[in-house]
Amino acid sequence: MPRLDEFVSDDALDQLIALAVREDMGWQRRDLTSEAIIPVDASATARMVSRSPGIVCGLSMLQRIAAAFDPKLAVKLYAADGDAVTPGSCVAEITGTLRSILAAERTALNFVCHLSGIATFTSRFVEAVAGTRAKIYDTRKTIPAYRGLAKFAVVCGGGCSHRMGLHDAVLIKDNHLAYTAMDELAQAIARARSGAAFVEIEVDTRQQLQQVLTMGADIVLLDNMPPEVLKQAVDLRDQIAPQVKLEASGGVTLDNVPVIAETGVDRIAIGALTHSAPALDLGLDIEQA
């Protein structure tokens, strides 16, 4: 399994958690409900339990989240990011003052439920293409400031991380090509290689694919092509430039992803992994200490 710090720095994670604490507790860090109902000295243990089957993710954040509310809260993990869970699985316990646990409850669940949802949704696509050469990739369609976490969840679900952002790889899309003549593209690709992990070009037609296959790109993105055209694109790639990877994207669902994978493409990029994944249902059940 990947490590969270491979996707999000400790500083960025602390800043994100701090913002979450502030939006829930305000500048005065108050929970008015608990102040009115819960005694100051009341203590408890809370169990984080899965209510649905899926892949859990975000547990490695729990200690930092708990500490942001109360450094004295103790967290014990019973599962790891990337583990499969079933209804009733206890994935973690938080022990300490009840007021602190209740203050941290929603923020902890918001992170873990959302990330587990992405991991679970990704795992379903991965399972759907099993036995083919295709790997499932995410995109940059993520909640702002949440990208590293979302990509971590994708990998925990068995998927692959595409470029992190504009800064680490090159993806020449149709809006770029609108201002770049095709006969200038090879030179543009050569310039783009400096400092880039890879260079990828988006095409919409078989004719465009034939033009760009020998221009030096590592990957060609086949945008919104039906399966029969994808298969033709794979055959053309195999004849002209077998070293180039082909990536299908656009309108991919759990229903059609097996057919897309069977065309022989190497990669399938799916924005829905990070922008439309339903949260995994987990709850935090309070028990008396």
C-alpha atoms as a PDB file:
ATOM      1  CA  MET A   1       0.000   0.000   0.000  1.00  0.00           C
ATOM      2  CA  PRO A   2       1.167   3.577  -0.619  1.00  0.00           C
ATOM      3  CA  ARG A   3       2.097   5.938   2.179  1.00  0.00           C
ATOM      4  CA  LEU A   4       0.073   9.076   2.728  1.00  0.00           C
ATOM      5  CA  ASP A   5       3.200  11.238   2.870  1.00  0.00           C
ATOM      6  CA  GLU A   6       3.988  10.218  -0.710  1.00  0.00           C
ATOM      7  CA  PHE A   7       0.949  12.247  -1.784  1.00  0.00           C
ATOM      8  CA  VAL A   8       0.514  14.961   0.853  1.00  0.00           C
ATOM      9  CA  SER A   9       3.193  16.678   2.935  1.00  0.00           C
ATOM     10  CA  ASP A  10       2.791  16.815   6.698  1.00  0.00           C
ATOM     11  CA  ASP A  11       2.529  20.605   6.552  1.00  0.00           C
ATOM     12  CA  ALA A  12      -0.201  20.532   3.908  1.00  0.00           C
ATOM     13  CA  LEU A  13      -2.105  17.895   5.848  1.00  0.00           C
ATOM     14  CA  ASP A  14      -1.901  19.891   9.084  1.00  0.00           C
ATOM     15  CA  GLN A  15      -3.144  23.008   7.280  1.00  0.00           C
ATOM     16  CA  LEU A  16      -6.078  21.135   5.771  1.00  0.00           C
ATOM     17  CA  ILE A  17      -7.053  19.647   9.131  1.00  0.00           C
ATOM     18  CA  ALA A  18      -6.710  23.044  10.813  1.00  0.00           C
ATOM     19  CA  LEU A  19      -9.116  24.542   8.275  1.00  0.00           C
ATOM     20  CA  ALA A  20     -11.568  21.718   8.947  1.00  0.00           C
ATOM     21  CA  VAL A  21     -11.386  22.332  12.697  1.00  0.00           C
ATOM     22  CA  ARG A  22     -11.923  26.069  12.232  1.00  0.00           C
ATOM     23  CA  GLU A  23     -14.947  25.690   9.944  1.00  0.00           C
ATOM     24  CA  ASP A  24     -16.645  23.406  12.497  1.00  0.00           C
ATOM     25  CA  MET A  25     -15.664  25.079  15.783  1.00  0.00           C
ATOM     26  CA  GLY A  26     -15.171  28.656  14.681  1.00  0.00           C
ATOM     27  CA  TRP A  27     -12.468  31.033  15.808  1.00  0.00           C
ATOM     28  CA  GLN A  28     -13.325  30.469  19.465  1.00  0.00           C
ATOM     29  CA  ARG A  29     -13.044  26.670  19.149  1.00  0.00           C
ATOM     30  CA  ARG A  30     -16.381  25.953  20.808  1.00  0.00           C
ATOM     31  CA  ASP A  31     -18.906  23.135  20.638  1.00  0.00           C
ATOM     32  CA  LEU A  32     -21.988  24.784  22.101  1.00  0.00           C
ATOM     33  CA  THR A  33     -24.021  21.569  22.232  1.00  0.00           C
ATOM     34  CA  SER A  34     -21.470  19.596  24.263  1.00  0.00           C
ATOM     35  CA  GLU A  35     -20.847  22.574  26.543  1.00  0.00           C
ATOM     36  CA  ALA A  36     -24.541  22.548  27.436  1.00  0.00           C
ATOM     37  CA  ILE A  37     -24.959  18.787  27.842  1.00  0.00           C
ATOM     38  CA  ILE A  38     -21.684  16.943  28.503  1.00  0.00           C
ATOM     39  CA  PRO A  39     -19.818  17.263  31.845  1.00  0.00           C
ATOM     40  CA  VAL A  40     -16.267  18.537  31.528  1.00  0.00           C
ATOM     41  CA  ASP A  41     -14.784  15.434  33.131  1.00  0.00           C
ATOM     42  CA  ALA A  42     -16.805  12.835  31.193  1.00  0.00           C
ATOM     43  CA  SER A  43     -14.642  10.345  29.291  1.00  0.00           C
ATOM     44  CA  ALA A  44     -15.434   7.662  26.752  1.00  0.00           C
ATOM     45  CA  THR A  45     -14.229   5.434  23.939  1.00  0.00           C
ATOM     46  CA  ALA A  46     -15.634   5.792  20.443  1.00  0.00           C
ATOM     47  CA  ARG A  47     -15.497   3.000  17.873  1.00  0.00           C
ATOM     48  CA  MET A  48     -15.340   3.848  14.191  1.00  0.00           C
ATOM     49  CA  VAL A  49     -17.367   1.134  12.477  1.00  0.00           C
ATOM     50  CA  SER A  50     -18.046   0.411   8.825  1.00  0.00           C
ATOM     51  CA  ARG A  51     -21.715   0.108   7.947  1.00  0.00           C
ATOM     52  CA  SER A  52     -21.097  -0.927   4.337  1.00  0.00           C
ATOM     53  CA  PRO A  53     -18.607  -3.163   2.518  1.00  0.00           C
ATOM     54  CA  GLY A  54     -15.722  -1.355   0.867  1.00  0.00           C
ATOM     55  CA  ILE A  55     -12.099  -0.256   0.984  1.00  0.00           C
ATOM     56  CA  VAL A  56     -11.188   1.932   3.921  1.00  0.00           C
ATOM     57  CA  CYS A  57      -8.901   4.941   3.507  1.00  0.00           C
ATOM     58  CA  GLY A  58      -7.912   7.904   5.656  1.00  0.00           C
ATOM     59  CA  LEU A  59      -7.218   6.011   8.871  1.00  0.00           C
ATOM     60  CA  SER A  60      -3.591   7.140   8.803  1.00  0.00           C
ATOM     61  CA  MET A  61      -4.914  10.696   9.293  1.00  0.00           C
ATOM     62  CA  LEU A  62      -6.889   9.933  12.442  1.00  0.00           C
ATOM     63  CA  GLN A  63      -4.135  10.604  14.969  1.00  0.00           C
ATOM     64  CA  ARG A  64      -3.425  14.022  13.422  1.00  0.00           C
ATOM     65  CA  ILE A  65      -7.131  14.847  13.301  1.00  0.00           C
ATOM     66  CA  ALA A  66      -7.642  13.819  16.933  1.00  0.00           C
ATOM     67  CA  ALA A  67      -4.592  15.793  18.070  1.00  0.00           C
ATOM     68  CA  ALA A  68      -5.877  18.906  16.298  1.00  0.00           C
ATOM     69  CA  PHE A  69      -8.919  18.829  18.590  1.00  0.00           C
ATOM     70  CA  ASP A  70      -7.235  17.494  21.731  1.00  0.00           C
ATOM     71  CA  PRO A  71      -3.622  16.240  21.993  1.00  0.00           C
ATOM     72  CA  LYS A  72      -4.693  13.904  24.799  1.00  0.00           C
ATOM     73  CA  LEU A  73      -7.032  11.873  22.613  1.00  0.00           C
ATOM     74  CA  ALA A  74      -5.672   8.368  21.998  1.00  0.00           C
ATOM     75  CA  VAL A  75      -6.257   6.614  18.679  1.00  0.00           C
ATOM     76  CA  LYS A  76      -5.982   2.868  18.102  1.00  0.00           C
ATOM     77  CA  LEU A  77      -6.252   1.486  14.576  1.00  0.00           C
ATOM     78  CA  TYR A  78      -7.699  -1.927  13.749  1.00  0.00           C
ATOM     79  CA  ALA A  79      -7.329  -1.621   9.975  1.00  0.00           C
ATOM     80  CA  ALA A  80      -4.964   0.063   7.537  1.00  0.00           C
ATOM     81  CA  ASP A  81      -5.586   2.248   4.515  1.00  0.00           C
ATOM     82  CA  GLY A  82      -6.426  -0.016   1.587  1.00  0.00           C
ATOM     83  CA  ASP A  83      -7.974  -2.787   3.682  1.00  0.00           C
ATOM     84  CA  ALA A  84     -11.300  -4.327   2.707  1.00  0.00           C
ATOM     85  CA  VAL A  85     -14.003  -3.950   5.354  1.00  0.00           C
ATOM     86  CA  THR A  86     -17.433  -5.456   5.870  1.00  0.00           C
ATOM     87  CA  PRO A  87     -20.478  -4.123   7.744  1.00  0.00           C
ATOM     88  CA  GLY A  88     -19.719  -4.137  11.453  1.00  0.00           C
ATOM     89  CA  SER A  89     -15.930  -3.955  11.038  1.00  0.00           C
ATOM     90  CA  CYS A  90     -14.338  -1.775  13.732  1.00  0.00           C
ATOM     91  CA  VAL A  91     -11.548   0.123  12.018  1.00  0.00           C
ATOM     92  CA  ALA A  92     -10.438   2.419  14.852  1.00  0.00           C
ATOM     93  CA  GLU A  93     -11.053   3.533  18.438  1.00  0.00           C
ATOM     94  CA  ILE A  94     -10.675   7.004  19.929  1.00  0.00           C
ATOM     95  CA  THR A  95     -10.400   7.356  23.706  1.00  0.00           C
ATOM     96  CA  GLY A  96     -10.403  10.505  25.845  1.00  0.00           C
ATOM     97  CA  THR A  97     -12.715  13.211  27.081  1.00  0.00           C
ATOM     98  CA  LEU A  98     -16.200  12.901  25.591  1.00  0.00           C
ATOM     99  CA  ARG A  99     -16.371  16.573  24.657  1.00  0.00           C
ATOM    100  CA  SER A 100     -13.204  16.248  22.590  1.00  0.00           C
ATOM    101  CA  ILE A 101     -14.379  13.073  20.906  1.00  0.00           C
ATOM    102  CA  LEU A 102     -17.701  14.649  19.954  1.00  0.00           C
ATOM    103  CA  ALA A 103     -15.931  17.735  18.631  1.00  0.00           C
ATOM    104  CA  ALA A 104     -13.660  15.610  16.447  1.00  0.00           C
ATOM    105  CA  GLU A 105     -16.353  13.155  15.320  1.00  0.00           C
ATOM    106  CA  ARG A 106     -17.661  14.848  12.182  1.00  0.00           C
ATOM    107  CA  THR A 107     -14.289  16.021  10.887  1.00  0.00           C
ATOM    108  CA  ALA A 108     -12.817  12.540  11.318  1.00  0.00           C
ATOM    109  CA  LEU A 109     -15.769  10.914   9.567  1.00  0.00           C
ATOM    110  CA  ASN A 110     -15.813  13.497   6.779  1.00  0.00           C
ATOM    111  CA  PHE A 111     -12.241  12.671   5.837  1.00  0.00           C
ATOM    112  CA  VAL A 112     -12.451   8.900   6.249  1.00  0.00           C
ATOM    113  CA  CYS A 113     -15.880   8.422   4.653  1.00  0.00           C
ATOM    114  CA  HIS A 114     -14.961  10.524   1.625  1.00  0.00           C
ATOM    115  CA  LEU A 115     -11.555   8.934   1.051  1.00  0.00           C
ATOM    116  CA  SER A 116     -12.925   5.442   1.658  1.00  0.00           C
ATOM    117  CA  GLY A 117     -15.627   6.183  -0.900  1.00  0.00           C
ATOM    118  CA  ILE A 118     -13.004   7.058  -3.514  1.00  0.00           C
ATOM    119  CA  ALA A 119     -10.978   3.938  -2.698  1.00  0.00           C
ATOM    120  CA  THR A 120     -14.074   1.742  -2.846  1.00  0.00           C
ATOM    121  CA  PHE A 121     -15.326   3.234  -6.123  1.00  0.00           C
ATOM    122  CA  THR A 122     -11.872   2.829  -7.663  1.00  0.00           C
ATOM    123  CA  SER A 123     -11.674  -0.805  -6.573  1.00  0.00           C
ATOM    124  CA  ARG A 124     -14.877  -1.556  -8.476  1.00  0.00           C
ATOM    125  CA  PHE A 125     -13.389  -0.231 -11.710  1.00  0.00           C
ATOM    126  CA  VAL A 126     -10.182  -2.174 -11.072  1.00  0.00           C
ATOM    127  CA  GLU A 127     -12.167  -5.362 -10.562  1.00  0.00           C
ATOM    128  CA  ALA A 128     -14.185  -4.676 -13.717  1.00  0.00           C
ATOM    129  CA  VAL A 129     -11.054  -4.639 -15.926  1.00  0.00           C
ATOM    130  CA  ALA A 130      -9.278  -7.564 -14.274  1.00  0.00           C
ATOM    131  CA  GLY A 131      -7.715  -9.885 -16.824  1.00  0.00           C
ATOM    132  CA  THR A 132      -7.040  -7.115 -19.353  1.00  0.00           C
ATOM    133  CA  ARG A 133      -3.916  -5.011 -19.834  1.00  0.00           C
ATOM    134  CA  ALA A 134      -5.743  -1.808 -18.868  1.00  0.00           C
ATOM    135  CA  LYS A 135      -4.950   0.050 -15.661  1.00  0.00           C
ATOM    136  CA  ILE A 136      -7.323   2.508 -14.040  1.00  0.00           C
ATOM    137  CA  TYR A 137      -6.094   6.102 -13.646  1.00  0.00           C
ATOM    138  CA  ASP A 138      -7.471   9.189 -11.926  1.00  0.00           C
ATOM    139  CA  THR A 139      -7.513  12.750 -13.313  1.00  0.00           C
ATOM    140  CA  ARG A 140      -7.133  16.333 -12.050  1.00  0.00           C
ATOM    141  CA  LYS A 141     -10.897  16.566 -11.462  1.00  0.00           C
ATOM    142  CA  THR A 142     -10.569  16.855  -7.705  1.00  0.00           C
ATOM    143  CA  ILE A 143     -11.816  19.136  -4.928  1.00  0.00           C
ATOM    144  CA  PRO A 144      -9.354  22.057  -4.705  1.00  0.00           C
ATOM    145  CA  ALA A 145      -6.639  21.463  -2.069  1.00  0.00           C
ATOM    146  CA  TYR A 146      -7.817  17.850  -1.716  1.00  0.00           C
ATOM    147  CA  ARG A 147      -5.960  16.352  -4.690  1.00  0.00           C
ATOM    148  CA  GLY A 148      -3.170  14.581  -2.841  1.00  0.00           C
ATOM    149  CA  LEU A 149      -5.639  12.892  -0.507  1.00  0.00           C
ATOM    150  CA  ALA A 150      -7.927  11.920  -3.382  1.00  0.00           C
ATOM    151  CA  LYS A 151      -5.068  10.417  -5.371  1.00  0.00           C
ATOM    152  CA  PHE A 152      -3.868   8.542  -2.304  1.00  0.00           C
ATOM    153  CA  ALA A 153      -7.358   7.053  -2.005  1.00  0.00           C
ATOM    154  CA  VAL A 154      -7.357   6.038  -5.679  1.00  0.00           C
ATOM    155  CA  VAL A 155      -4.110   4.120  -5.226  1.00  0.00           C
ATOM    156  CA  CYS A 156      -5.417   2.528  -2.016  1.00  0.00           C
ATOM    157  CA  GLY A 157      -8.308   1.283  -4.144  1.00  0.00           C
ATOM    158  CA  GLY A 158      -5.945  -0.371  -6.610  1.00  0.00           C
ATOM    159  CA  GLY A 159      -5.903   2.426  -9.189  1.00  0.00           C
ATOM    160  CA  CYS A 160      -3.013   4.529 -10.469  1.00  0.00           C
ATOM    161  CA  SER A 161      -2.198   8.194 -10.061  1.00  0.00           C
ATOM    162  CA  HIS A 162      -2.018  10.283 -13.216  1.00  0.00           C
ATOM    163  CA  ARG A 163       0.007  13.514 -13.109  1.00  0.00           C
ATOM    164  CA  MET A 164      -0.342  15.396  -9.830  1.00  0.00           C
ATOM    165  CA  GLY A 165      -0.810  18.737 -11.562  1.00  0.00           C
ATOM    166  CA  LEU A 166       0.394  21.082 -14.247  1.00  0.00           C
ATOM    167  CA  HIS A 167       3.856  21.114 -12.703  1.00  0.00           C
ATOM    168  CA  ASP A 168       5.028  17.514 -13.067  1.00  0.00           C
ATOM    169  CA  ALA A 169       3.925  16.217 -16.481  1.00  0.00           C
ATOM    170  CA  VAL A 170       2.742  17.462 -19.867  1.00  0.00           C
ATOM    171  CA  LEU A 171      -0.715  16.818 -21.307  1.00  0.00           C
ATOM    172  CA  ILE A 172      -1.318  18.594 -24.612  1.00  0.00           C
ATOM    173  CA  LYS A 173      -5.085  18.859 -24.962  1.00  0.00           C
ATOM    174  CA  ASP A 174      -7.433  20.068 -27.688  1.00  0.00           C
ATOM    175  CA  ASN A 175      -7.370  23.638 -26.352  1.00  0.00           C
ATOM    176  CA  HIS A 176      -3.582  23.653 -26.686  1.00  0.00           C
ATOM    177  CA  LEU A 177      -3.746  22.186 -30.182  1.00  0.00           C
ATOM    178  CA  ALA A 178      -6.170  24.914 -31.234  1.00  0.00           C
ATOM    179  CA  TYR A 179      -3.208  27.317 -31.055  1.00  0.00           C
ATOM    180  CA  THR A 180      -0.476  24.963 -32.240  1.00  0.00           C
ATOM    181  CA  ALA A 181      -0.045  23.848 -35.826  1.00  0.00           C
ATOM    182  CA  MET A 182       0.338  20.088 -36.209  1.00  0.00           C
ATOM    183  CA  ASP A 183       3.657  20.485 -38.042  1.00  0.00           C
ATOM    184  CA  GLU A 184       5.012  22.369 -35.000  1.00  0.00           C
ATOM    185  CA  LEU A 185       3.900  19.738 -32.513  1.00  0.00           C
ATOM    186  CA  ALA A 186       7.026  17.557 -32.640  1.00  0.00           C
ATOM    187  CA  GLN A 187       9.184  20.551 -31.667  1.00  0.00           C
ATOM    188  CA  ALA A 188       6.742  21.435 -28.905  1.00  0.00           C
ATOM    189  CA  ILE A 189       6.974  17.903 -27.521  1.00  0.00           C
ATOM    190  CA  ALA A 190      10.767  18.062 -27.533  1.00  0.00           C
ATOM    191  CA  ARG A 191      10.657  21.343 -25.579  1.00  0.00           C
ATOM    192  CA  ALA A 192       8.078  19.925 -23.175  1.00  0.00           C
ATOM    193  CA  ARG A 193      10.319  17.028 -22.134  1.00  0.00           C
ATOM    194  CA  SER A 194      12.443  19.243 -19.898  1.00  0.00           C
ATOM    195  CA  GLY A 195      11.450  18.464 -16.305  1.00  0.00           C
ATOM    196  CA  ALA A 196       8.357  16.459 -17.251  1.00  0.00           C
ATOM    197  CA  ALA A 197       7.668  12.952 -15.968  1.00  0.00           C
ATOM    198  CA  PHE A 198       5.962  12.160 -19.266  1.00  0.00           C
ATOM    199  CA  VAL A 199       4.458  13.834 -22.314  1.00  0.00           C
ATOM    200  CA  GLU A 200       0.905  12.991 -23.378  1.00  0.00           C
ATOM    201  CA  ILE A 201      -1.186  14.245 -26.327  1.00  0.00           C
ATOM    202  CA  GLU A 202      -4.957  14.189 -26.644  1.00  0.00           C
ATOM    203  CA  VAL A 203      -6.520  13.218 -29.977  1.00  0.00           C
ATOM    204  CA  ASP A 204     -10.137  12.957 -31.086  1.00  0.00           C
ATOM    205  CA  THR A 205      -9.820  11.014 -34.343  1.00  0.00           C
ATOM    206  CA  ARG A 206      -7.922   8.123 -35.884  1.00  0.00           C
ATOM    207  CA  GLN A 207      -6.369  10.562 -38.363  1.00  0.00           C
ATOM    208  CA  GLN A 208      -4.941  12.692 -35.538  1.00  0.00           C
ATOM    209  CA  LEU A 209      -3.606   9.573 -33.862  1.00  0.00           C
ATOM    210  CA  GLN A 210      -1.732   8.546 -36.998  1.00  0.00           C
ATOM    211  CA  GLN A 211      -0.166  12.004 -37.177  1.00  0.00           C
ATOM    212  CA  VAL A 212       1.071  12.122 -33.574  1.00  0.00           C
ATOM    213  CA  LEU A 213       2.223   8.533 -33.005  1.00  0.00           C
ATOM    214  CA  THR A 214       5.718   9.242 -34.312  1.00  0.00           C
ATOM    215  CA  MET A 215       6.164  12.668 -32.704  1.00  0.00           C
ATOM    216  CA  GLY A 216       7.822  11.427 -29.522  1.00  0.00           C
ATOM    217  CA  ALA A 217       5.009  11.452 -26.983  1.00  0.00           C
ATOM    218  CA  ASP A 218       4.951   8.780 -24.285  1.00  0.00           C
ATOM    219  CA  ILE A 219       1.155   8.508 -24.133  1.00  0.00           C
ATOM    220  CA  VAL A 220      -1.700   9.368 -26.458  1.00  0.00           C
ATOM    221  CA  LEU A 221      -5.074  10.153 -24.916  1.00  0.00           C
ATOM    222  CA  LEU A 222      -7.996   8.861 -26.984  1.00  0.00           C
ATOM    223  CA  ASP A 223     -10.839  11.167 -26.083  1.00  0.00           C
ATOM    224  CA  ASN A 224     -14.458   9.963 -26.203  1.00  0.00           C
ATOM    225  CA  MET A 225     -13.855   7.276 -28.803  1.00  0.00           C
ATOM    226  CA  PRO A 226     -16.320   4.375 -29.070  1.00  0.00           C
ATOM    227  CA  PRO A 227     -14.935   0.858 -28.492  1.00  0.00           C
ATOM    228  CA  GLU A 228     -14.719  -0.028 -32.177  1.00  0.00           C
ATOM    229  CA  VAL A 229     -12.591   3.066 -32.843  1.00  0.00           C
ATOM    230  CA  LEU A 230     -10.456   2.368 -29.773  1.00  0.00           C
ATOM    231  CA  LYS A 231      -9.717  -1.094 -31.158  1.00  0.00           C
ATOM    232  CA  GLN A 232      -8.686   0.448 -34.492  1.00  0.00           C
ATOM    233  CA  ALA A 233      -6.461   2.898 -32.583  1.00  0.00           C
ATOM    234  CA  VAL A 234      -4.758   0.027 -30.750  1.00  0.00           C
ATOM    235  CA  ASP A 235      -4.115  -1.810 -34.033  1.00  0.00           C
ATOM    236  CA  LEU A 236      -2.683   1.365 -35.578  1.00  0.00           C
ATOM    237  CA  ARG A 237      -0.452   1.996 -32.565  1.00  0.00           C
ATOM    238  CA  ASP A 238       0.825  -1.591 -32.672  1.00  0.00           C
ATOM    239  CA  GLN A 239       1.833  -1.126 -36.315  1.00  0.00           C
ATOM    240  CA  ILE A 240       3.414   2.324 -36.084  1.00  0.00           C
ATOM    241  CA  ALA A 241       4.703   2.919 -32.540  1.00  0.00           C
ATOM    242  CA  PRO A 242       4.201  -0.029 -30.174  1.00  0.00           C
ATOM    243  CA  GLN A 243       6.151   1.746 -27.421  1.00  0.00           C
ATOM    244  CA  VAL A 244       3.501   4.471 -27.088  1.00  0.00           C
ATOM    245  CA  LYS A 245       0.857   3.917 -24.404  1.00  0.00           C
ATOM    246  CA  LEU A 246      -2.790   4.530 -25.262  1.00  0.00           C
ATOM    247  CA  GLU A 247      -5.166   6.006 -22.730  1.00  0.00           C
ATOM    248  CA  ALA A 248      -8.956   6.014 -23.152  1.00  0.00           C
ATOM    249  CA  SER A 249     -11.034   8.701 -21.465  1.00  0.00           C
ATOM    250  CA  GLY A 250     -14.500  10.205 -21.591  1.00  0.00           C
ATOM    251  CA  GLY A 251     -17.844   8.788 -20.529  1.00  0.00           C
ATOM    252  CA  VAL A 252     -16.364   5.792 -18.718  1.00  0.00           C
ATOM    253  CA  THR A 253     -18.747   3.964 -16.377  1.00  0.00           C
ATOM    254  CA  LEU A 254     -18.768   0.667 -14.525  1.00  0.00           C
ATOM    255  CA  ASP A 255     -21.084  -0.668 -17.207  1.00  0.00           C
ATOM    256  CA  ASN A 256     -18.865   0.119 -20.200  1.00  0.00           C
ATOM    257  CA  VAL A 257     -15.358  -0.043 -18.721  1.00  0.00           C
ATOM    258  CA  PRO A 258     -14.956  -3.801 -19.395  1.00  0.00           C
ATOM    259  CA  VAL A 259     -15.680  -3.271 -23.083  1.00  0.00           C
ATOM    260  CA  ILE A 260     -13.234  -0.346 -23.215  1.00  0.00           C
ATOM    261  CA  ALA A 261     -10.544  -2.418 -21.511  1.00  0.00           C
ATOM    262  CA  GLU A 262     -11.039  -5.296 -23.934  1.00  0.00           C
ATOM    263  CA  THR A 263     -10.050  -3.042 -26.868  1.00  0.00           C
ATOM    264  CA  GLY A 264      -6.432  -3.342 -25.734  1.00  0.00           C
ATOM    265  CA  VAL A 265      -5.801   0.181 -24.425  1.00  0.00           C
ATOM    266  CA  ASP A 266      -3.148   0.447 -21.718  1.00  0.00           C
ATOM    267  CA  ARG A 267      -4.813   3.035 -19.504  1.00  0.00           C
ATOM    268  CA  ILE A 268      -8.326   4.249 -18.727  1.00  0.00           C
ATOM    269  CA  ALA A 269      -8.626   7.685 -17.094  1.00  0.00           C
ATOM    270  CA  ILE A 270     -11.804   8.307 -15.107  1.00  0.00           C
ATOM    271  CA  GLY A 271     -12.672  11.693 -13.604  1.00  0.00           C
ATOM    272  CA  ALA A 272     -15.602  10.191 -11.707  1.00  0.00           C
ATOM    273  CA  LEU A 273     -13.206   8.362  -9.373  1.00  0.00           C
ATOM    274  CA  THR A 274     -12.549  11.608  -7.531  1.00  0.00           C
ATOM    275  CA  HIS A 275     -15.456  13.886  -8.399  1.00  0.00           C
ATOM    276  CA  SER A 276     -18.406  11.490  -8.118  1.00  0.00           C
ATOM    277  CA  ALA A 277     -17.481   8.692  -5.725  1.00  0.00           C
ATOM    278  CA  PRO A 278     -20.181   8.103  -3.074  1.00  0.00           C
ATOM    279  CA  ALA A 279     -18.925   8.210   0.489  1.00  0.00           C
ATOM    280  CA  LEU A 280     -18.473   4.918   2.290  1.00  0.00           C
ATOM    281  CA  ASP A 281     -20.866   4.679   5.235  1.00  0.00           C
ATOM    282  CA  LEU A 282     -18.962   4.630   8.528  1.00  0.00           C
ATOM    283  CA  GLY A 283     -20.111   5.754  11.946  1.00  0.00           C
ATOM    284  CA  LEU A 284     -18.572   6.655  15.287  1.00  0.00           C
ATOM    285  CA  ASP A 285     -20.282   4.822  18.145  1.00  0.00           C
ATOM    286  CA  ILE A 286     -19.715   6.192  21.648  1.00  0.00           C
ATOM    287  CA  GLU A 287     -19.132   3.800  24.543  1.00  0.00           C
ATOM    288  CA  GLN A 288     -18.593   4.702  28.165  1.00  0.00           C
ATOM    289  CA  ALA A 289     -14.972   4.433  29.298  1.00  0.00           C
END
